[in-house]
């Protein structure tokens, strides 16, 4: 059996009326202004404290360099590879 396209044949779709619902303000979280200001102040303090910190622990870098130079640094390649896999894939 062969079905051919019939030109000009068009079945009209009934128009569905959607009821428009008003946007409810109860869906939005209600936060009072003082709580928001307290959170903002705490966040700003934390950001200033973090900005004051160094990105690199220079003393630790010096200890690792010294251990490498003296041959005292042991490397667990299995632990390193597992850590790399977990970091890049999200699992072991």
C-alpha atoms as a PDB file:
ATOM      1  CA  UNK A   1       0.000   0.000   0.000  1.00  0.00           C
ATOM      2  CA  UNK A   2       1.330   3.380  -0.976  1.00  0.00           C
ATOM      3  CA  UNK A   3       0.453   6.624   0.799  1.00  0.00           C
ATOM      4  CA  UNK A   4       0.878   9.746  -1.263  1.00  0.00           C
ATOM      5  CA  UNK A   5       0.949  13.280   0.000  1.00  0.00           C
ATOM      6  CA  UNK A   6      -2.298  14.962  -0.831  1.00  0.00           C
ATOM      7  CA  UNK A   7      -1.738  18.573  -1.728  1.00  0.00           C
ATOM      8  CA  UNK A   8      -4.117  21.117  -0.322  1.00  0.00           C
ATOM      9  CA  UNK A   9      -5.443  18.809   2.361  1.00  0.00           C
ATOM     10  CA  UNK A  10      -5.119  20.388   5.720  1.00  0.00           C
ATOM     11  CA  UNK A  11      -6.771  19.403   8.944  1.00  0.00           C
ATOM     12  CA  UNK A  12      -7.229  22.369  11.232  1.00  0.00           C
ATOM     13  CA  UNK A  13      -6.164  21.915  14.786  1.00  0.00           C
ATOM     14  CA  UNK A  14      -8.603  23.097  17.449  1.00  0.00           C
ATOM     15  CA  UNK A  15      -7.392  26.151  19.326  1.00  0.00           C
ATOM     16  CA  UNK A  16      -6.773  25.385  22.939  1.00  0.00           C
ATOM     17  CA  UNK A  17      -7.431  28.151  25.370  1.00  0.00           C
ATOM     18  CA  UNK A  18      -4.959  28.301  28.157  1.00  0.00           C
ATOM     19  CA  UNK A  19      -6.019  29.873  31.373  1.00  0.00           C
ATOM     20  CA  UNK A  20      -3.581  32.568  32.302  1.00  0.00           C
ATOM     21  CA  UNK A  21      -2.581  32.282  35.903  1.00  0.00           C
ATOM     22  CA  UNK A  22      -1.385  35.339  37.738  1.00  0.00           C
ATOM     23  CA  UNK A  23       2.181  35.165  38.963  1.00  0.00           C
ATOM     24  CA  UNK A  24       2.037  34.450  42.629  1.00  0.00           C
ATOM     25  CA  UNK A  25       4.367  36.412  44.797  1.00  0.00           C
ATOM     26  CA  UNK A  26       4.324  33.578  47.342  1.00  0.00           C
ATOM     27  CA  UNK A  27       6.659  31.570  45.085  1.00  0.00           C
ATOM     28  CA  UNK A  28       9.471  34.013  45.665  1.00  0.00           C
ATOM     29  CA  UNK A  29      11.380  33.550  48.909  1.00  0.00           C
ATOM     30  CA  UNK A  30      10.539  36.208  51.410  1.00  0.00           C
ATOM     31  CA  UNK A  31      13.651  37.653  52.965  1.00  0.00           C
ATOM     32  CA  UNK A  32      13.576  40.546  55.239  1.00  0.00           C
ATOM     33  CA  UNK A  33      15.922  43.429  54.547  1.00  0.00           C
ATOM     34  CA  UNK A  34      17.898  43.126  57.835  1.00  0.00           C
ATOM     35  CA  UNK A  35      18.713  39.450  57.190  1.00  0.00           C
ATOM     36  CA  UNK A  36      19.935  40.264  53.714  1.00  0.00           C
ATOM     37  CA  UNK A  37      22.123  43.073  55.002  1.00  0.00           C
ATOM     38  CA  UNK A  38      23.584  40.837  57.734  1.00  0.00           C
ATOM     39  CA  UNK A  39      24.411  38.174  55.151  1.00  0.00           C
ATOM     40  CA  UNK A  40      25.924  40.769  52.837  1.00  0.00           C
ATOM     41  CA  UNK A  41      28.112  42.157  55.611  1.00  0.00           C
ATOM     42  CA  UNK A  42      29.286  38.671  56.612  1.00  0.00           C
ATOM     43  CA  UNK A  43      30.052  37.836  52.987  1.00  0.00           C
ATOM     44  CA  UNK A  44      32.018  41.045  52.493  1.00  0.00           C
ATOM     45  CA  UNK A  45      34.073  40.342  55.655  1.00  0.00           C
ATOM     46  CA  UNK A  46      34.848  36.818  54.449  1.00  0.00           C
ATOM     47  CA  UNK A  47      35.864  38.093  51.016  1.00  0.00           C
ATOM     48  CA  UNK A  48      38.203  40.678  52.560  1.00  0.00           C
ATOM     49  CA  UNK A  49      39.772  38.011  54.786  1.00  0.00           C
ATOM     50  CA  UNK A  50      40.307  35.722  51.800  1.00  0.00           C
ATOM     51  CA  UNK A  51      41.794  38.542  49.738  1.00  0.00           C
ATOM     52  CA  UNK A  52      44.387  39.062  52.467  1.00  0.00           C
ATOM     53  CA  UNK A  53      45.520  35.427  52.258  1.00  0.00           C
ATOM     54  CA  UNK A  54      48.340  34.359  50.002  1.00  0.00           C
ATOM     55  CA  UNK A  55      47.477  32.082  47.093  1.00  0.00           C
ATOM     56  CA  UNK A  56      50.602  30.013  47.699  1.00  0.00           C
ATOM     57  CA  UNK A  57      52.047  28.702  50.969  1.00  0.00           C
ATOM     58  CA  UNK A  58      55.633  29.835  50.378  1.00  0.00           C
ATOM     59  CA  UNK A  59      56.984  27.982  53.423  1.00  0.00           C
ATOM     60  CA  UNK A  60      55.492  24.694  52.238  1.00  0.00           C
ATOM     61  CA  UNK A  61      56.911  25.221  48.753  1.00  0.00           C
ATOM     62  CA  UNK A  62      60.348  25.777  50.277  1.00  0.00           C
ATOM     63  CA  UNK A  63      60.059  22.554  52.334  1.00  0.00           C
ATOM     64  CA  UNK A  64      59.028  20.541  49.255  1.00  0.00           C
ATOM     65  CA  UNK A  65      61.884  22.001  47.193  1.00  0.00           C
ATOM     66  CA  UNK A  66      64.353  21.121  49.929  1.00  0.00           C
ATOM     67  CA  UNK A  67      62.966  17.570  50.199  1.00  0.00           C
ATOM     68  CA  UNK A  68      63.208  17.168  46.416  1.00  0.00           C
ATOM     69  CA  UNK A  69      66.779  18.467  46.368  1.00  0.00           C
ATOM     70  CA  UNK A  70      67.795  16.089  49.172  1.00  0.00           C
ATOM     71  CA  UNK A  71      65.991  13.073  47.692  1.00  0.00           C
ATOM     72  CA  UNK A  72      63.762  12.789  50.759  1.00  0.00           C
ATOM     73  CA  UNK A  73      60.431  13.149  48.963  1.00  0.00           C
ATOM     74  CA  UNK A  74      58.614   9.881  48.404  1.00  0.00           C
ATOM     75  CA  UNK A  75      55.945   9.695  45.727  1.00  0.00           C
ATOM     76  CA  UNK A  76      52.991   7.334  45.902  1.00  0.00           C
ATOM     77  CA  UNK A  77      52.165   7.062  42.204  1.00  0.00           C
ATOM     78  CA  UNK A  78      49.002   5.049  42.857  1.00  0.00           C
ATOM     79  CA  UNK A  79      47.612   7.715  45.221  1.00  0.00           C
ATOM     80  CA  UNK A  80      48.611  10.428  42.759  1.00  0.00           C
ATOM     81  CA  UNK A  81      46.894   8.705  39.840  1.00  0.00           C
ATOM     82  CA  UNK A  82      43.727   8.117  41.890  1.00  0.00           C
ATOM     83  CA  UNK A  83      43.660  11.769  42.948  1.00  0.00           C
ATOM     84  CA  UNK A  84      44.092  12.878  39.332  1.00  0.00           C
ATOM     85  CA  UNK A  85      41.294  10.582  38.133  1.00  0.00           C
ATOM     86  CA  UNK A  86      38.978  11.780  40.880  1.00  0.00           C
ATOM     87  CA  UNK A  87      39.741  15.417  40.096  1.00  0.00           C
ATOM     88  CA  UNK A  88      39.209  15.108  36.347  1.00  0.00           C
ATOM     89  CA  UNK A  89      36.308  12.656  36.267  1.00  0.00           C
ATOM     90  CA  UNK A  90      34.579  13.137  39.605  1.00  0.00           C
ATOM     91  CA  UNK A  91      35.102   9.500  40.618  1.00  0.00           C
ATOM     92  CA  UNK A  92      37.834   6.922  41.010  1.00  0.00           C
END
